[in-house]
Amino acid sequence: MTKNKSKTCGKPEIYGKSGDLLHERVIAVAGYIVENNATVRQTAKEFGISKSTVHKDVTDRLTAINPALAKQVRSVLDVNKSERHIRGGLATREKYLHQHTAE
């Protein structure tokens, strides 16, 4: 992948043979997050990529490709972040409920 600083806006332009595939993946990942209110973990699992890659795609690469979509994704991820302590508590509760019913 080759990066070049754009003279017009200072943002990296991603191009080359794999650049088209990268653009497609970044847009697909962002669309999935917005359409499904998905977490980074859910998105990584769905696309078979790491959580780090999802995060890099939607924070760095997407901002350069589609700033409006990046803003939508950011709002979904901010909501997910504010709710994660609740999801963690529910997961722990489920874990202990299953342990006690199995006994």
Protein backbone atom coordinates (compact mmCIF):
# COMPACT_ATOMS: atom_id res chain seq x y z
CA MET A 1 0.00 0.00 0.00
CA THR A 2 1.35 3.37 -0.94
CA LYS A 3 0.42 6.54 0.87
CA ASN A 4 0.83 10.02 -0.46
CA LYS A 5 0.03 13.30 1.24
CA SER A 6 -2.67 15.12 -0.65
CA LYS A 7 -1.69 18.64 -1.61
CA THR A 8 -5.24 19.91 -1.17
CA CYS A 9 -6.18 18.79 2.32
CA GLY A 10 -3.11 17.20 3.93
CA LYS A 11 -4.88 13.85 4.43
CA PRO A 12 -3.29 10.62 3.21
CA GLU A 13 -4.57 9.23 -0.05
CA ILE A 14 -4.49 5.45 -0.25
CA TYR A 15 -4.01 4.07 -3.72
CA GLY A 16 -2.43 1.22 -5.60
CA LYS A 17 -3.50 -2.34 -6.35
CA SER A 18 -4.65 -3.09 -2.83
CA GLY A 19 -5.89 0.46 -2.24
CA ASP A 20 -9.20 -0.25 -3.98
CA LEU A 21 -9.77 -3.31 -1.81
CA LEU A 22 -8.81 -1.33 1.26
CA HIS A 23 -11.31 1.42 0.39
CA GLU A 24 -14.02 -1.18 -0.11
CA ARG A 25 -13.28 -2.86 3.22
CA VAL A 26 -13.18 0.44 5.12
CA ILE A 27 -16.56 1.50 3.68
CA ALA A 28 -18.04 -1.97 4.30
CA VAL A 29 -16.81 -2.02 7.91
CA ALA A 30 -18.17 1.47 8.54
CA GLY A 31 -21.51 0.61 6.94
CA TYR A 32 -21.81 -2.51 9.08
CA ILE A 33 -21.16 -0.57 12.27
CA VAL A 34 -23.73 2.11 11.43
CA GLU A 35 -26.44 -0.27 10.13
CA ASN A 36 -26.14 -2.71 13.03
CA ASN A 37 -25.00 -0.41 15.85
CA ALA A 38 -22.20 -2.93 16.10
CA THR A 39 -19.26 -2.90 18.46
CA VAL A 40 -15.66 -3.07 17.26
CA ARG A 41 -15.51 -6.67 18.53
CA GLN A 42 -18.67 -7.72 16.66
CA THR A 43 -17.42 -6.03 13.49
CA ALA A 44 -14.01 -7.69 13.72
CA LYS A 45 -15.63 -11.09 14.10
CA GLU A 46 -18.01 -10.47 11.18
CA PHE A 47 -15.21 -9.43 8.80
CA GLY A 48 -12.55 -11.83 10.07
CA ILE A 49 -10.11 -9.03 10.94
CA SER A 50 -8.60 -7.86 14.21
CA LYS A 51 -10.16 -5.29 16.51
CA SER A 52 -7.08 -3.12 15.91
CA THR A 53 -7.69 -3.20 12.17
CA VAL A 54 -11.35 -2.23 12.62
CA HIS A 55 -10.35 0.63 14.87
CA LYS A 56 -7.66 1.83 12.44
CA ASP A 57 -10.10 1.58 9.53
CA VAL A 58 -12.83 3.65 11.16
CA THR A 59 -10.70 6.24 12.93
CA ASP A 60 -7.85 6.95 10.51
CA ARG A 61 -8.64 5.60 7.07
CA LEU A 62 -12.36 6.38 7.00
CA THR A 63 -11.77 10.01 7.99
CA ALA A 64 -9.65 10.42 4.85
CA ILE A 65 -12.12 8.57 2.61
CA ASN A 66 -15.53 9.72 3.85
CA PRO A 67 -15.61 12.24 6.74
CA ALA A 68 -19.43 12.25 6.97
CA LEU A 69 -19.58 8.47 7.40
CA ALA A 70 -16.70 8.66 9.87
CA LYS A 71 -18.81 11.02 11.99
CA GLN A 72 -21.72 8.55 11.99
CA VAL A 73 -19.44 5.69 13.00
CA ARG A 74 -17.89 7.80 15.75
CA SER A 75 -21.32 8.48 17.25
CA VAL A 76 -22.17 4.74 17.26
CA LEU A 77 -18.83 3.86 18.85
CA ASP A 78 -19.25 6.60 21.46
CA VAL A 79 -22.63 5.15 22.47
CA ASN A 80 -21.13 1.65 22.61
CA LYS A 81 -18.30 2.92 24.78
CA SER A 82 -20.70 4.60 27.20
CA GLU A 83 -22.71 1.36 27.50
CA ARG A 84 -19.89 -1.17 27.71
CA HIS A 85 -19.90 -1.36 31.51
CA ILE A 86 -23.56 -2.40 31.32
CA ARG A 87 -22.88 -5.10 28.72
CA GLY A 88 -19.96 -6.39 30.79
CA GLY A 89 -22.15 -6.64 33.88
CA LEU A 90 -24.85 -8.49 31.95
CA ALA A 91 -22.30 -10.94 30.56
CA THR A 92 -20.98 -11.65 34.05
CA ARG A 93 -24.53 -12.12 35.36
CA GLU A 94 -25.31 -14.60 32.56
CA LYS A 95 -22.11 -16.50 33.27
CA TYR A 96 -22.97 -17.00 36.92
CA LEU A 97 -26.63 -17.82 36.18
CA HIS A 98 -25.52 -20.60 33.83
CA GLN A 99 -23.05 -21.94 36.37
CA HIS A 100 -25.69 -22.17 39.09
CA THR A 101 -28.35 -23.74 36.87
CA ALA A 102 -25.89 -26.38 35.64
CA GLU A 103 -25.23 -27.62 39.17
